[in-house]
Amino acid sequence: MSGDPQQVSIKHGAQQEVVGKLAAEKHCAKHKRTAKLLKISPAGSDVSSLFFKTRTSVYACVPSGDE
């Protein structure tokens, strides 16, 4: 996971988008903001595990109420 108060990128299992969403919500909440999904990458293999498909979700941290 990498991010700042405006945006966060989270790498997660291809079938576990909810994990990315929860991590983004937690990150954005630290900045008193709400997570809004911007994009999700296509599924691909992770270098550390040839059998584990991953995706990267990118969320914007928007002011609460601007979802």
N, C-alpha and C. Protein backbone atom coordinates (compact mmCIF):
# COMPACT_ATOMS: atom_id res chain seq x y z
N MET A 1 0.85 -1.18 0.00
CA MET A 1 0.00 0.00 0.00
C MET A 1 0.89 1.24 0.00
N SER A 2 0.51 2.21 -0.81
CA SER A 2 1.20 3.49 -0.78
C SER A 2 0.14 4.57 -0.95
N GLY A 3 0.38 5.70 -0.33
CA GLY A 3 -0.61 6.76 -0.45
C GLY A 3 -0.24 8.02 0.28
N ASP A 4 -1.12 8.98 0.14
CA ASP A 4 -1.00 10.28 0.79
C ASP A 4 -2.42 10.73 1.15
N PRO A 5 -2.62 11.93 1.66
CA PRO A 5 -3.97 12.35 2.04
C PRO A 5 -4.96 12.45 0.87
N GLN A 6 -4.45 12.50 -0.36
CA GLN A 6 -5.33 12.66 -1.53
C GLN A 6 -5.69 11.34 -2.22
N GLN A 7 -4.79 10.34 -2.12
CA GLN A 7 -4.97 9.12 -2.90
C GLN A 7 -4.23 7.95 -2.26
N VAL A 8 -4.69 6.72 -2.54
CA VAL A 8 -4.02 5.53 -2.04
C VAL A 8 -4.10 4.42 -3.08
N SER A 9 -3.01 3.65 -3.20
CA SER A 9 -2.92 2.48 -4.09
C SER A 9 -2.74 1.25 -3.23
N ILE A 10 -3.53 0.21 -3.49
CA ILE A 10 -3.49 -0.98 -2.67
C ILE A 10 -3.42 -2.21 -3.57
N LYS A 11 -2.43 -3.06 -3.34
CA LYS A 11 -2.28 -4.31 -4.06
C LYS A 11 -2.97 -5.40 -3.25
N HIS A 12 -3.84 -6.19 -3.90
CA HIS A 12 -4.61 -7.22 -3.20
C HIS A 12 -4.86 -8.40 -4.13
N GLY A 13 -5.34 -9.49 -3.57
CA GLY A 13 -5.69 -10.65 -4.38
C GLY A 13 -6.74 -10.29 -5.41
N ALA A 14 -6.67 -10.92 -6.58
CA ALA A 14 -7.59 -10.59 -7.67
C ALA A 14 -9.06 -10.76 -7.29
N GLN A 15 -9.35 -11.69 -6.41
CA GLN A 15 -10.73 -11.95 -5.99
C GLN A 15 -11.06 -11.31 -4.65
N GLN A 16 -10.20 -10.45 -4.15
CA GLN A 16 -10.38 -9.87 -2.82
C GLN A 16 -10.45 -8.34 -2.87
N GLU A 17 -11.30 -7.83 -3.75
CA GLU A 17 -11.41 -6.37 -3.87
C GLU A 17 -11.91 -5.72 -2.59
N VAL A 18 -12.67 -6.46 -1.79
CA VAL A 18 -13.17 -5.90 -0.53
C VAL A 18 -12.01 -5.59 0.42
N VAL A 19 -10.93 -6.39 0.34
CA VAL A 19 -9.75 -6.13 1.18
C VAL A 19 -9.15 -4.77 0.81
N GLY A 20 -9.05 -4.50 -0.48
CA GLY A 20 -8.54 -3.20 -0.93
C GLY A 20 -9.44 -2.06 -0.50
N LYS A 21 -10.75 -2.28 -0.62
CA LYS A 21 -11.70 -1.24 -0.23
C LYS A 21 -11.59 -0.91 1.26
N LEU A 22 -11.51 -1.94 2.09
CA LEU A 22 -11.42 -1.71 3.54
C LEU A 22 -10.12 -1.00 3.91
N ALA A 23 -9.01 -1.39 3.26
CA ALA A 23 -7.73 -0.72 3.53
C ALA A 23 -7.78 0.74 3.10
N ALA A 24 -8.41 1.01 1.96
CA ALA A 24 -8.53 2.39 1.48
C ALA A 24 -9.40 3.22 2.42
N GLU A 25 -10.50 2.65 2.88
CA GLU A 25 -11.37 3.37 3.81
C GLU A 25 -10.63 3.71 5.10
N LYS A 26 -9.85 2.76 5.59
CA LYS A 26 -9.08 3.00 6.81
C LYS A 26 -8.04 4.10 6.60
N HIS A 27 -7.32 4.04 5.47
CA HIS A 27 -6.31 5.06 5.16
C HIS A 27 -6.94 6.45 5.05
N CYS A 28 -8.00 6.55 4.27
CA CYS A 28 -8.64 7.86 4.06
C CYS A 28 -9.26 8.40 5.35
N ALA A 29 -9.78 7.51 6.18
CA ALA A 29 -10.39 7.95 7.44
C ALA A 29 -9.37 8.63 8.35
N LYS A 30 -8.10 8.22 8.26
CA LYS A 30 -7.04 8.88 9.04
C LYS A 30 -6.93 10.36 8.70
N HIS A 31 -7.33 10.71 7.48
CA HIS A 31 -7.26 12.09 7.01
C HIS A 31 -8.65 12.75 6.99
N LYS A 32 -9.59 12.09 7.70
CA LYS A 32 -10.97 12.58 7.80
C LYS A 32 -11.60 12.72 6.41
N ARG A 33 -11.35 11.72 5.56
CA ARG A 33 -11.88 11.69 4.21
C ARG A 33 -12.53 10.34 3.94
N THR A 34 -13.18 10.23 2.79
CA THR A 34 -13.86 9.02 2.36
C THR A 34 -13.18 8.47 1.11
N ALA A 35 -13.05 7.14 1.02
CA ALA A 35 -12.41 6.51 -0.14
C ALA A 35 -13.39 6.41 -1.32
N LYS A 36 -12.93 6.79 -2.50
CA LYS A 36 -13.72 6.68 -3.72
C LYS A 36 -12.88 5.95 -4.76
N LEU A 37 -13.36 4.82 -5.25
CA LEU A 37 -12.62 4.01 -6.21
C LEU A 37 -12.41 4.77 -7.51
N LEU A 38 -11.15 4.82 -7.97
CA LEU A 38 -10.82 5.45 -9.25
C LEU A 38 -10.61 4.41 -10.34
N LYS A 39 -9.81 3.36 -10.03
CA LYS A 39 -9.56 2.32 -11.03
C LYS A 39 -9.02 1.06 -10.37
N ILE A 40 -9.16 -0.05 -11.08
CA ILE A 40 -8.61 -1.33 -10.66
C ILE A 40 -7.85 -1.90 -11.85
N SER A 41 -6.62 -2.32 -11.60
CA SER A 41 -5.81 -2.88 -12.68
C SER A 41 -6.32 -4.27 -13.08
N PRO A 42 -5.99 -4.71 -14.29
CA PRO A 42 -6.31 -6.10 -14.67
C PRO A 42 -5.54 -7.07 -13.78
N ALA A 43 -6.07 -8.27 -13.60
CA ALA A 43 -5.40 -9.28 -12.79
C ALA A 43 -4.10 -9.72 -13.45
N GLY A 44 -3.07 -9.90 -12.64
CA GLY A 44 -1.78 -10.36 -13.14
C GLY A 44 -1.06 -11.15 -12.06
N SER A 45 -0.05 -11.88 -12.44
CA SER A 45 0.71 -12.66 -11.48
C SER A 45 1.69 -11.77 -10.73
N ASP A 46 1.83 -12.04 -9.47
CA ASP A 46 2.78 -11.33 -8.63
C ASP A 46 4.14 -12.02 -8.75
N VAL A 47 5.21 -11.26 -8.79
CA VAL A 47 6.56 -11.82 -8.91
C VAL A 47 6.89 -12.74 -7.74
N SER A 48 6.42 -12.40 -6.54
CA SER A 48 6.75 -13.20 -5.37
C SER A 48 6.02 -14.55 -5.34
N SER A 49 4.97 -14.69 -6.12
CA SER A 49 4.23 -15.95 -6.17
C SER A 49 3.62 -16.12 -7.55
N LEU A 50 4.13 -17.04 -8.29
CA LEU A 50 3.68 -17.23 -9.67
C LEU A 50 2.24 -17.68 -9.79
N PHE A 51 1.66 -18.19 -8.72
CA PHE A 51 0.31 -18.71 -8.78
C PHE A 51 -0.74 -17.78 -8.18
N PHE A 52 -0.32 -16.67 -7.62
CA PHE A 52 -1.23 -15.77 -6.94
C PHE A 52 -1.52 -14.57 -7.84
N LYS A 53 -2.74 -14.45 -8.32
CA LYS A 53 -3.14 -13.32 -9.16
C LYS A 53 -3.45 -12.11 -8.28
N THR A 54 -2.91 -10.97 -8.66
CA THR A 54 -3.13 -9.75 -7.88
C THR A 54 -3.71 -8.66 -8.76
N ARG A 55 -4.28 -7.67 -8.11
CA ARG A 55 -4.77 -6.45 -8.76
C ARG A 55 -4.34 -5.28 -7.89
N THR A 56 -4.30 -4.11 -8.48
CA THR A 56 -4.03 -2.90 -7.72
C THR A 56 -5.23 -1.97 -7.87
N SER A 57 -5.79 -1.58 -6.75
CA SER A 57 -6.91 -0.64 -6.73
C SER A 57 -6.38 0.73 -6.33
N VAL A 58 -6.86 1.75 -7.01
CA VAL A 58 -6.48 3.13 -6.70
C VAL A 58 -7.74 3.86 -6.25
N TYR A 59 -7.65 4.47 -5.08
CA TYR A 59 -8.76 5.22 -4.51
C TYR A 59 -8.36 6.67 -4.29
N ALA A 60 -9.29 7.56 -4.51
CA ALA A 60 -9.11 8.97 -4.15
C ALA A 60 -9.67 9.13 -2.74
N CYS A 61 -9.03 9.96 -1.95
CA CYS A 61 -9.56 10.30 -0.62
C CYS A 61 -10.27 11.65 -0.77
N VAL A 62 -11.58 11.61 -0.78
CA VAL A 62 -12.38 12.80 -1.01
C VAL A 62 -12.98 13.30 0.30
N PRO A 63 -13.26 14.59 0.39
CA PRO A 63 -13.91 15.09 1.60
C PRO A 63 -15.21 14.35 1.84
N SER A 64 -15.50 14.02 3.07
CA SER A 64 -16.73 13.29 3.39
C SER A 64 -17.93 14.05 2.84
N GLY A 65 -18.85 13.29 2.23
CA GLY A 65 -20.03 13.89 1.63
C GLY A 65 -19.88 14.12 0.13
N ASP A 66 -18.67 14.02 -0.44
CA ASP A 66 -18.43 14.20 -1.88
C ASP A 66 -18.28 12.88 -2.61
N GLU A 67 -18.87 11.83 -2.08
CA GLU A 67 -18.71 10.50 -2.67
C GLU A 67 -19.51 10.48 -3.93
